């Protein structure tokens, strides 16, 4: 866990040790640095400063009245948060990273997720860059620019991909231009960029966070969530976005059982990923976590369940075919290629896929029922150079498939998952993914807090 995260920031604001205007000014300064270039497609500096000033005035008034706490609904009072360009913000145009939507009317109301953040007192710093229509785990955007991964640049690896589709959001948090970002996850779009930046990305059980007011990719899979600096920040953001209280039992690792699936999830690991992954498992064992290697033969059915892009491509095609008829040339050609795969999936085939998915979920749940969580590397590879993927379609699609491979299994499983950093200080970012079945969110977050603490002890 970082020494100073959003939770610590909130404490310092409420105690009067920091001013929201100063915090927001620092975030906006960071947004203007080269490290944060292309992270934002729209920076809302004036609006953020005005909101921060109102926050300070409210805190001053409460202090003068002798009150010791802000209202409970103001859970994020004064915190700079960025918004993925997938969500409606009243008075702004939502483009989903696409030039096709640039001329559409401004939103007349906030998306539900945005409204909940606003109600909680968050200060919006602006709209962040993303893969066009959220359909890529790489994060490259040929229309509006691609944010280079600032976490890797700080380690001497400039020009690396940010991961997608919440690319600019992750970059904004990594470079200090926001303390959390609102994103989405259809096949890993929160967890992939979080892993590549050394951040925390949490994909909750899909029904918990409403997607109203966002641009859909695949409604059966799209999940609203956030990228944060720590697991406890992830808990806080989830409570706001889901409008629910997370129940934490603080069950120790010694009383938990974790499964590790060897086939697929551990294939083709880069050396740095494997080293951090294996070191993390060893540290968790030393802290008393029971870890069991298991087979998951149901993974052999994935090619059939995802043929021609599966449910994601079919639902993306349904959402885009009318627009593609007149505007295909304005799309990212690689996005068009992936969307058009869904054209081969007719209504009968899609209905059969949904039935097969439900049966598959039931059988996987039975296989995992004796475990608290499953552990996996979030992604198997280091972030490659942006230039290499821009230059080659073959390399782009190879990398995209590798990045999506592990996290997308959880989306198909209709589960919940969290990626947290597991590398040693100074090493390249590597994500450790904890995942479980639908509805196991509180237990998953509880376990993730214990895992984060155990890994921090190893790096102290």
Protein backbone atom coordinates (compact mmCIF):
# COMPACT_ATOMS: atom_id res chain seq x y z
CA UNK A 1 0.00 0.00 0.00
CA UNK A 2 1.38 3.45 -0.84
CA UNK A 3 2.47 5.60 2.06
CA UNK A 4 -0.07 8.27 1.16
CA UNK A 5 -3.26 7.27 -0.62
CA UNK A 6 -6.71 8.75 -1.13
CA UNK A 7 -7.83 7.59 2.32
CA UNK A 8 -4.92 9.44 3.93
CA UNK A 9 -5.69 12.48 1.80
CA UNK A 10 -9.29 12.55 3.04
CA UNK A 11 -8.11 12.38 6.63
CA UNK A 12 -5.71 15.28 6.13
CA UNK A 13 -8.43 17.38 4.46
CA UNK A 14 -10.92 16.77 7.25
CA UNK A 15 -8.34 17.57 9.93
CA UNK A 16 -7.45 20.83 8.19
CA UNK A 17 -3.90 19.70 7.49
CA UNK A 18 -4.36 20.19 3.74
CA UNK A 19 -6.56 22.42 1.61
CA UNK A 20 -8.64 21.09 -1.27
CA UNK A 21 -7.60 24.06 -3.40
CA UNK A 22 -3.93 23.12 -2.94
CA UNK A 23 -4.57 19.43 -3.65
CA UNK A 24 -6.48 20.21 -6.83
CA UNK A 25 -3.88 22.76 -7.95
CA UNK A 26 -1.17 20.13 -7.55
CA UNK A 27 -3.21 17.62 -9.54
CA UNK A 28 -3.77 20.11 -12.35
CA UNK A 29 -0.07 20.97 -12.37
CA UNK A 30 0.72 17.29 -12.78
CA UNK A 31 -1.81 17.02 -15.59
CA UNK A 32 0.19 19.66 -17.48
CA UNK A 33 3.49 17.78 -17.23
CA UNK A 34 4.98 15.75 -20.12
CA UNK A 35 4.49 12.56 -18.07
CA UNK A 36 0.73 13.08 -18.25
CA UNK A 37 0.54 14.07 -21.92
CA UNK A 38 -2.53 12.63 -23.70
CA UNK A 39 -3.98 11.26 -20.44
CA UNK A 40 -6.80 13.79 -20.60
CA UNK A 41 -8.89 14.49 -23.67
CA UNK A 42 -10.59 17.33 -21.77
CA UNK A 43 -9.05 18.98 -18.71
CA UNK A 44 -11.59 20.88 -16.60
CA UNK A 45 -9.25 23.14 -14.63
CA UNK A 46 -11.63 26.02 -13.93
CA UNK A 47 -14.44 23.75 -12.80
CA UNK A 48 -12.09 21.76 -10.56
CA UNK A 49 -10.73 24.90 -8.91
CA UNK A 50 -14.24 26.21 -8.28
CA UNK A 51 -15.33 22.89 -6.74
CA UNK A 52 -12.19 22.77 -4.57
CA UNK A 53 -12.83 26.29 -3.28
CA UNK A 54 -16.40 25.32 -2.38
CA UNK A 55 -15.03 22.29 -0.53
CA UNK A 56 -12.65 24.41 1.54
CA UNK A 57 -15.43 26.84 2.35
CA UNK A 58 -17.68 23.99 3.52
CA UNK A 59 -14.92 22.53 5.69
CA UNK A 60 -14.12 25.96 7.15
CA UNK A 61 -17.78 26.53 7.94
CA UNK A 62 -18.06 23.15 9.65
CA UNK A 63 -14.94 23.87 11.70
CA UNK A 64 -16.23 27.28 12.75
CA UNK A 65 -19.52 25.70 13.80
CA UNK A 66 -17.63 23.27 16.02
CA UNK A 67 -18.39 20.20 13.96
CA UNK A 68 -15.78 17.46 13.86
CA UNK A 69 -16.84 15.61 10.72
CA UNK A 70 -18.23 16.24 7.28
CA UNK A 71 -21.61 14.70 6.39
CA UNK A 72 -21.42 10.94 5.73
CA UNK A 73 -22.62 11.44 2.15
CA UNK A 74 -19.45 13.44 1.42
CA UNK A 75 -17.21 10.37 1.39
CA UNK A 76 -14.88 11.85 -1.24
CA UNK A 77 -15.06 15.50 -0.26
CA UNK A 78 -12.32 17.43 -2.08
CA UNK A 79 -10.68 14.46 -3.82
CA UNK A 80 -9.56 15.03 -7.46
CA UNK A 81 -11.00 12.24 -9.62
CA UNK A 82 -10.84 11.81 -13.38
CA UNK A 83 -13.65 10.43 -15.53
CA UNK A 84 -13.24 8.03 -18.44
CA UNK A 85 -14.64 9.48 -21.66
CA UNK A 86 -17.28 6.75 -21.61
CA UNK A 87 -19.52 8.43 -19.04
CA UNK A 88 -21.91 11.32 -19.42
CA UNK A 89 -21.07 14.43 -17.46
CA UNK A 90 -23.78 17.08 -17.63
CA UNK A 91 -22.87 19.80 -20.11
CA UNK A 92 -20.10 17.79 -21.80
CA UNK A 93 -19.87 15.68 -24.95
CA UNK A 94 -19.19 11.98 -24.40
CA UNK A 95 -17.09 10.65 -27.30
CA UNK A 96 -15.88 7.25 -26.01
CA UNK A 97 -12.50 8.05 -27.53
CA UNK A 98 -13.98 8.29 -31.03
CA UNK A 99 -14.08 11.11 -33.56
CA UNK A 100 -17.41 9.66 -34.75
CA UNK A 101 -19.16 11.07 -31.67
CA UNK A 102 -17.29 14.37 -31.49
CA UNK A 103 -20.23 16.35 -32.86
CA UNK A 104 -22.96 14.79 -30.75
CA UNK A 105 -24.96 16.95 -28.30
CA UNK A 106 -23.72 17.54 -24.79
CA UNK A 107 -25.11 15.34 -22.04
CA UNK A 108 -28.10 16.77 -20.22
CA UNK A 109 -27.49 14.73 -17.06
CA UNK A 110 -24.70 12.90 -15.28
CA UNK A 111 -24.29 9.15 -15.64
CA UNK A 112 -25.37 7.39 -12.45
CA UNK A 113 -21.74 6.66 -11.52
CA UNK A 114 -20.75 10.30 -12.09
CA UNK A 115 -23.74 11.53 -10.10
CA UNK A 116 -22.77 9.32 -7.17
CA UNK A 117 -19.20 10.60 -7.24
CA UNK A 118 -20.44 14.18 -7.43
CA UNK A 119 -22.82 13.60 -4.51
CA UNK A 120 -19.89 12.21 -2.51
CA UNK A 121 -17.99 15.48 -3.00
CA UNK A 122 -15.45 14.39 -5.61
CA UNK A 123 -13.75 17.12 -7.64
CA UNK A 124 -13.71 16.23 -11.34
CA UNK A 125 -10.44 17.09 -13.06
CA UNK A 126 -11.57 16.14 -16.55
CA UNK A 127 -12.29 13.41 -19.08
CA UNK A 128 -9.58 10.84 -19.72
CA UNK A 129 -8.42 9.15 -22.89
CA UNK A 130 -9.45 5.59 -23.74
CA UNK A 131 -9.34 2.94 -26.43
CA UNK A 132 -12.02 3.79 -28.96
CA UNK A 133 -15.39 2.53 -27.72
CA UNK A 134 -13.52 0.65 -24.97
CA UNK A 135 -12.64 -2.16 -27.38
CA UNK A 136 -8.95 -2.85 -26.71
CA UNK A 137 -6.74 -3.91 -23.83
CA UNK A 138 -3.75 -2.09 -25.34
CA UNK A 139 -4.86 1.53 -24.90
CA UNK A 140 -3.77 2.96 -28.25
CA UNK A 141 -6.04 5.68 -29.68
CA UNK A 142 -5.20 6.85 -33.22
CA UNK A 143 -7.73 9.71 -33.13
CA UNK A 144 -6.91 11.59 -29.96
CA UNK A 145 -3.47 10.31 -29.01
CA UNK A 146 -2.14 7.61 -26.72
CA UNK A 147 -0.83 8.36 -23.22
CA UNK A 148 2.56 6.76 -22.70
CA UNK A 149 2.77 4.76 -19.49
CA UNK A 150 4.18 7.23 -16.88
CA UNK A 151 5.00 4.51 -14.36
CA UNK A 152 7.32 2.79 -16.82
CA UNK A 153 8.76 6.10 -18.03
CA UNK A 154 9.80 6.79 -14.43
CA UNK A 155 11.68 3.47 -14.48
CA UNK A 156 13.56 4.36 -17.66
CA UNK A 157 11.14 2.70 -20.10
CA UNK A 158 9.53 5.58 -22.02
CA UNK A 159 6.96 5.18 -24.77
CA UNK A 160 5.28 2.05 -23.39
CA UNK A 161 1.60 1.24 -23.73
CA UNK A 162 -0.73 2.27 -20.90
CA UNK A 163 -3.07 -0.69 -21.24
CA UNK A 164 -6.73 -0.24 -22.00
CA UNK A 165 -9.31 0.57 -22.32
CA UNK A 166 -9.07 2.85 -19.26
CA UNK A 167 -5.73 4.11 -20.52
CA UNK A 168 -5.81 7.81 -19.70
CA UNK A 169 -7.48 7.18 -16.38
CA UNK A 170 -4.67 4.93 -15.18
CA UNK A 171 -2.08 7.39 -16.48
CA UNK A 172 -3.79 10.27 -14.65
CA UNK A 173 -3.57 8.41 -11.34
CA UNK A 174 -0.03 7.18 -11.92
CA UNK A 175 1.29 10.69 -12.61
CA UNK A 176 -0.61 12.34 -9.74
CA UNK A 177 -3.16 14.20 -11.86
CA UNK A 178 -6.00 12.38 -10.06
CA UNK A 179 -6.28 10.32 -6.87
CA UNK A 180 -8.63 7.81 -8.51
CA UNK A 181 -10.32 7.40 -11.87
CA UNK A 182 -13.74 6.21 -12.95
CA UNK A 183 -13.39 3.49 -15.57
CA UNK A 184 -15.08 0.40 -16.93
CA UNK A 185 -14.26 -3.28 -17.38
CA UNK A 186 -15.69 -5.52 -20.10
CA UNK A 187 -12.74 -7.90 -20.46
CA UNK A 188 -10.12 -6.36 -18.18
CA UNK A 189 -10.24 -2.62 -18.91
CA UNK A 190 -9.72 -1.66 -15.25
CA UNK A 191 -7.32 -4.43 -14.26
CA UNK A 192 -5.01 -4.35 -17.29
CA UNK A 193 -3.98 -0.66 -17.07
CA UNK A 194 -3.85 -0.94 -13.26
CA UNK A 195 -1.42 -3.86 -13.54
CA UNK A 196 0.79 -2.06 -16.07
CA UNK A 197 0.96 1.07 -13.89
CA UNK A 198 1.39 -0.56 -10.47
CA UNK A 199 -2.10 0.50 -9.36
CA UNK A 200 -5.21 -1.21 -8.02
CA UNK A 201 -8.06 -2.02 -10.38
CA UNK A 202 -11.28 -3.51 -9.04
CA UNK A 203 -13.99 -5.15 -11.14
CA UNK A 204 -17.01 -5.76 -8.96
CA UNK A 205 -19.86 -8.18 -9.59
CA UNK A 206 -21.56 -6.56 -12.56
CA UNK A 207 -25.04 -5.88 -11.13
CA UNK A 208 -23.67 -3.85 -8.21
CA UNK A 209 -22.80 -0.71 -10.19
CA UNK A 210 -25.32 0.71 -12.70
CA UNK A 211 -24.01 1.64 -16.14
CA UNK A 212 -26.82 4.08 -16.96
CA UNK A 213 -25.44 7.11 -18.78
CA UNK A 214 -22.43 5.34 -20.25
CA UNK A 215 -21.74 4.16 -23.79
CA UNK A 216 -22.06 0.39 -23.87
CA UNK A 217 -19.65 -2.04 -25.48
CA UNK A 218 -21.19 -5.37 -24.42
CA UNK A 219 -24.03 -4.84 -21.92
CA UNK A 220 -23.87 -8.43 -20.69
CA UNK A 221 -20.29 -7.87 -19.54
CA UNK A 222 -19.69 -4.12 -19.04
CA UNK A 223 -18.87 -3.28 -15.43
CA UNK A 224 -18.47 0.15 -13.79
CA UNK A 225 -15.50 0.59 -11.44
CA UNK A 226 -12.41 2.54 -10.48
CA UNK A 227 -8.62 2.46 -10.52
CA UNK A 228 -7.07 3.53 -7.23
CA UNK A 229 -3.81 3.75 -5.32
CA UNK A 230 -4.65 1.11 -2.70
CA UNK A 231 -7.14 -1.61 -1.86
CA UNK A 232 -8.74 0.44 0.89
CA UNK A 233 -9.26 3.21 -1.65
CA UNK A 234 -10.87 0.60 -3.92
CA UNK A 235 -13.26 -0.29 -1.09
CA UNK A 236 -14.18 3.36 -0.61
CA UNK A 237 -14.74 4.04 -4.31
CA UNK A 238 -16.82 0.88 -4.64
CA UNK A 239 -19.00 1.92 -1.72
CA UNK A 240 -19.70 5.22 -3.46
CA UNK A 241 -20.26 3.76 -6.94
CA UNK A 242 -22.40 0.86 -5.73
CA UNK A 243 -24.14 2.92 -3.05
CA UNK A 244 -23.64 0.15 -0.53
CA UNK A 245 -21.54 -0.59 2.52
CA UNK A 246 -18.81 -3.21 2.22
CA UNK A 247 -18.76 -5.61 5.17
CA UNK A 248 -15.19 -6.51 6.16
CA UNK A 249 -14.54 -9.34 8.60
CA UNK A 250 -10.72 -8.90 8.65
CA UNK A 251 -10.34 -12.67 8.41
CA UNK A 252 -6.59 -13.44 8.54
CA UNK A 253 -4.76 -15.13 5.70
CA UNK A 254 -4.10 -18.13 7.95
CA UNK A 255 -7.82 -18.91 7.77
CA UNK A 256 -8.11 -18.57 4.00
CA UNK A 257 -7.67 -20.95 1.07
CA UNK A 258 -6.59 -19.82 -2.38
CA UNK A 259 -6.47 -21.72 -5.65
CA UNK A 260 -3.87 -21.26 -8.37
CA UNK A 261 -4.83 -22.44 -11.85
CA UNK A 262 -1.80 -23.58 -13.80
CA UNK A 263 -3.10 -24.04 -17.35
CA UNK A 264 -3.60 -20.87 -19.40
CA UNK A 265 -3.18 -18.27 -16.63
CA UNK A 266 0.55 -18.94 -16.22
CA UNK A 267 1.38 -19.53 -19.87
CA UNK A 268 3.83 -17.22 -21.71
CA UNK A 269 4.84 -15.19 -18.66
CA UNK A 270 7.61 -12.65 -19.20
CA UNK A 271 10.56 -13.20 -16.88
CA UNK A 272 9.79 -10.12 -14.77
CA UNK A 273 6.16 -11.14 -14.38
CA UNK A 274 7.07 -14.69 -13.39
CA UNK A 275 9.64 -13.52 -10.85
CA UNK A 276 7.22 -11.13 -9.11
CA UNK A 277 4.35 -13.63 -9.31
CA UNK A 278 6.35 -16.45 -7.73
CA UNK A 279 7.81 -14.14 -5.06
CA UNK A 280 4.30 -12.95 -4.18
CA UNK A 281 3.02 -16.50 -3.80
CA UNK A 282 5.95 -17.39 -1.55
CA UNK A 283 5.34 -14.32 0.63
CA UNK A 284 1.66 -15.17 0.97
CA UNK A 285 2.52 -18.73 1.96
CA UNK A 286 4.90 -17.39 4.61
CA UNK A 287 2.00 -15.33 5.93
CA UNK A 288 -0.13 -18.43 6.34
CA UNK A 289 -2.26 -18.45 3.19
CA UNK A 290 -3.02 -21.99 2.02
CA UNK A 291 -2.40 -22.07 -1.73
CA UNK A 292 -3.40 -25.10 -3.78
CA UNK A 293 -2.57 -25.72 -7.43
CA UNK A 294 -5.64 -26.93 -9.29
CA UNK A 295 -6.70 -27.88 -12.77
CA UNK A 296 -9.65 -26.14 -14.36
CA UNK A 297 -10.57 -28.34 -17.32
CA UNK A 298 -13.48 -26.04 -18.16
CA UNK A 299 -10.90 -23.63 -19.61
CA UNK A 300 -10.71 -25.94 -22.62
CA UNK A 301 -14.17 -24.72 -23.56
CA UNK A 302 -13.09 -21.08 -23.92
CA UNK A 303 -12.39 -21.28 -27.69
CA UNK A 304 -15.97 -22.38 -28.32
CA UNK A 305 -17.41 -19.76 -25.96
CA UNK A 306 -15.41 -16.94 -27.55
CA UNK A 307 -15.47 -17.98 -31.23
CA UNK A 308 -15.72 -14.94 -33.55
CA UNK A 309 -15.28 -12.70 -30.51
CA UNK A 310 -18.12 -14.35 -28.59
CA UNK A 311 -20.69 -12.34 -26.65
CA UNK A 312 -18.54 -9.20 -26.64
CA UNK A 313 -18.25 -8.98 -30.43
CA UNK A 314 -21.88 -9.96 -30.97
CA UNK A 315 -23.18 -7.24 -28.65
CA UNK A 316 -20.67 -4.71 -29.98
CA UNK A 317 -21.86 -5.43 -33.52
CA UNK A 318 -25.47 -4.94 -32.45
CA UNK A 319 -24.56 -1.57 -30.98
CA UNK A 320 -22.46 -0.34 -33.89
CA UNK A 321 -23.70 -1.86 -37.14
CA UNK A 322 -26.01 1.04 -38.00
CA UNK A 323 -23.29 3.64 -37.37
CA UNK A 324 -20.70 1.59 -39.25
CA UNK A 325 -22.89 1.66 -42.35
CA UNK A 326 -22.11 5.36 -42.79
CA UNK A 327 -19.06 6.05 -40.64
CA UNK A 328 -16.80 2.98 -40.77
CA UNK A 329 -13.95 5.03 -42.27
CA UNK A 330 -13.95 7.27 -39.20
CA UNK A 331 -13.37 4.38 -36.79
CA UNK A 332 -10.04 2.94 -35.69
CA UNK A 333 -9.63 0.15 -38.31
CA UNK A 334 -8.55 -2.30 -35.62
CA UNK A 335 -11.70 -1.61 -33.62
CA UNK A 336 -13.80 -2.14 -36.75
CA UNK A 337 -12.09 -5.48 -37.33
CA UNK A 338 -13.00 -6.67 -33.85
CA UNK A 339 -16.58 -5.37 -34.02
CA UNK A 340 -17.23 -6.95 -37.42
CA UNK A 341 -16.38 -10.38 -36.03
CA UNK A 342 -19.73 -10.23 -34.27
CA UNK A 343 -21.55 -10.06 -37.60
CA UNK A 344 -21.02 -13.82 -37.90
CA UNK A 345 -22.98 -14.48 -34.69
CA UNK A 346 -26.71 -14.54 -35.42
CA UNK A 347 -29.47 -14.30 -32.81
CA UNK A 348 -29.83 -18.06 -32.42
CA UNK A 349 -26.09 -18.53 -31.96
CA UNK A 350 -25.94 -15.69 -29.44
CA UNK A 351 -28.82 -17.17 -27.43
CA UNK A 352 -27.04 -20.51 -27.41
CA UNK A 353 -23.85 -18.79 -26.25
CA UNK A 354 -25.65 -17.24 -23.29
CA UNK A 355 -27.04 -20.64 -22.30
CA UNK A 356 -23.64 -22.28 -22.67
CA UNK A 357 -22.08 -19.52 -20.60
CA UNK A 358 -24.55 -20.05 -17.74
CA UNK A 359 -23.82 -23.77 -17.72
CA UNK A 360 -20.07 -23.11 -17.83
CA UNK A 361 -20.32 -20.66 -14.91
CA UNK A 362 -22.19 -23.22 -12.83
CA UNK A 363 -19.55 -25.87 -13.41
CA UNK A 364 -16.64 -23.53 -12.71
CA UNK A 365 -18.32 -22.34 -9.50
CA UNK A 366 -18.61 -25.95 -8.35
CA UNK A 367 -14.91 -26.49 -9.07
CA UNK A 368 -13.92 -23.45 -6.97
CA UNK A 369 -16.44 -23.70 -4.13
CA UNK A 370 -13.92 -24.81 -1.50
CA UNK A 371 -11.66 -21.78 -2.05
CA UNK A 372 -11.94 -18.18 -0.87
CA UNK A 373 -10.20 -16.76 -3.94
CA UNK A 374 -8.28 -17.71 -7.04
CA UNK A 375 -4.85 -16.15 -7.64
CA UNK A 376 -3.49 -15.38 -11.11
CA UNK A 377 -1.09 -12.99 -12.80
CA UNK A 378 -3.28 -10.14 -14.05
CA UNK A 379 -1.45 -9.99 -17.38
CA UNK A 380 1.41 -12.22 -18.53
CA UNK A 381 3.64 -9.61 -20.14
CA UNK A 382 5.44 -6.33 -19.59
CA UNK A 383 4.07 -3.30 -21.40
CA UNK A 384 5.60 -3.22 -24.92
CA UNK A 385 6.52 -0.10 -26.86
CA UNK A 386 3.66 1.90 -28.38
CA UNK A 387 5.60 2.32 -31.63
CA UNK A 388 5.91 -1.44 -32.15
CA UNK A 389 2.16 -1.95 -31.87
CA UNK A 390 1.28 1.05 -34.02
CA UNK A 391 3.52 -0.30 -36.78
CA UNK A 392 2.18 -3.87 -36.90
CA UNK A 393 -1.39 -5.14 -36.93
CA UNK A 394 -0.18 -8.67 -36.20
CA UNK A 395 1.77 -7.53 -33.15
CA UNK A 396 -1.10 -5.38 -31.94
CA UNK A 397 -3.60 -8.24 -32.03
CA UNK A 398 -1.10 -10.66 -30.47
CA UNK A 399 -0.45 -8.33 -27.55
CA UNK A 400 -4.11 -7.41 -27.20
CA UNK A 401 -5.04 -11.10 -26.91
CA UNK A 402 -2.36 -11.71 -24.29
CA UNK A 403 -3.40 -8.72 -22.19
CA UNK A 404 -7.06 -9.73 -22.24
CA UNK A 405 -6.49 -13.45 -21.77
CA UNK A 406 -6.48 -13.73 -17.97
CA UNK A 407 -8.84 -10.95 -16.87
CA UNK A 408 -11.49 -11.71 -19.52
CA UNK A 409 -12.02 -15.17 -18.03
CA UNK A 410 -13.42 -13.48 -14.92
CA UNK A 411 -15.85 -11.40 -17.00
CA UNK A 412 -17.06 -14.53 -18.78
CA UNK A 413 -17.34 -16.20 -15.34
CA UNK A 414 -19.52 -13.26 -14.22
CA UNK A 415 -17.23 -12.89 -11.23
CA UNK A 416 -15.48 -10.17 -9.30
CA UNK A 417 -11.74 -9.50 -9.37
CA UNK A 418 -9.09 -7.12 -8.18
CA UNK A 419 -5.57 -6.47 -9.46
CA UNK A 420 -2.99 -5.13 -7.04
CA UNK A 421 0.74 -4.56 -7.52
CA UNK A 422 3.01 -7.36 -6.34
CA UNK A 423 6.45 -6.28 -7.58
CA UNK A 424 9.36 -5.29 -5.34
CA UNK A 425 10.21 -1.57 -5.14
CA UNK A 426 12.02 -0.41 -8.27
CA UNK A 427 10.90 -3.40 -10.36
CA UNK A 428 8.58 -3.21 -13.33
CA UNK A 429 4.87 -3.12 -12.40
CA UNK A 430 3.28 -6.55 -12.13
CA UNK A 431 -0.34 -7.19 -11.19
CA UNK A 432 -1.58 -9.96 -8.91
CA UNK A 433 -5.22 -10.78 -9.61
CA UNK A 434 -7.55 -12.15 -6.95
CA UNK A 435 -10.89 -13.36 -8.24
CA UNK A 436 -14.05 -15.11 -7.09
CA UNK A 437 -17.65 -15.76 -8.10
CA UNK A 438 -20.49 -13.31 -8.50
CA UNK A 439 -21.57 -11.78 -5.21
CA UNK A 440 -18.35 -12.58 -3.34
CA UNK A 441 -17.20 -8.95 -3.46
CA UNK A 442 -16.93 -8.28 0.26
CA UNK A 443 -14.98 -11.45 0.90
CA UNK A 444 -12.72 -10.69 -2.06
CA UNK A 445 -11.99 -7.16 -0.88
CA UNK A 446 -11.40 -8.40 2.66
CA UNK A 447 -8.88 -10.92 1.38
CA UNK A 448 -7.25 -8.33 -0.90
CA UNK A 449 -6.64 -6.04 2.08
CA UNK A 450 -4.85 -8.86 3.88
CA UNK A 451 -2.84 -9.76 0.76
CA UNK A 452 -1.83 -6.13 0.24
CA UNK A 453 -0.61 -5.93 3.85
CA UNK A 454 1.37 -9.16 3.52
CA UNK A 455 3.07 -8.04 0.32
CA UNK A 456 3.88 -4.64 1.82
CA UNK A 457 5.63 -6.36 4.74
CA UNK A 458 7.88 -8.17 2.29
CA UNK A 459 8.89 -4.88 0.68
CA UNK A 460 9.30 -2.87 3.89
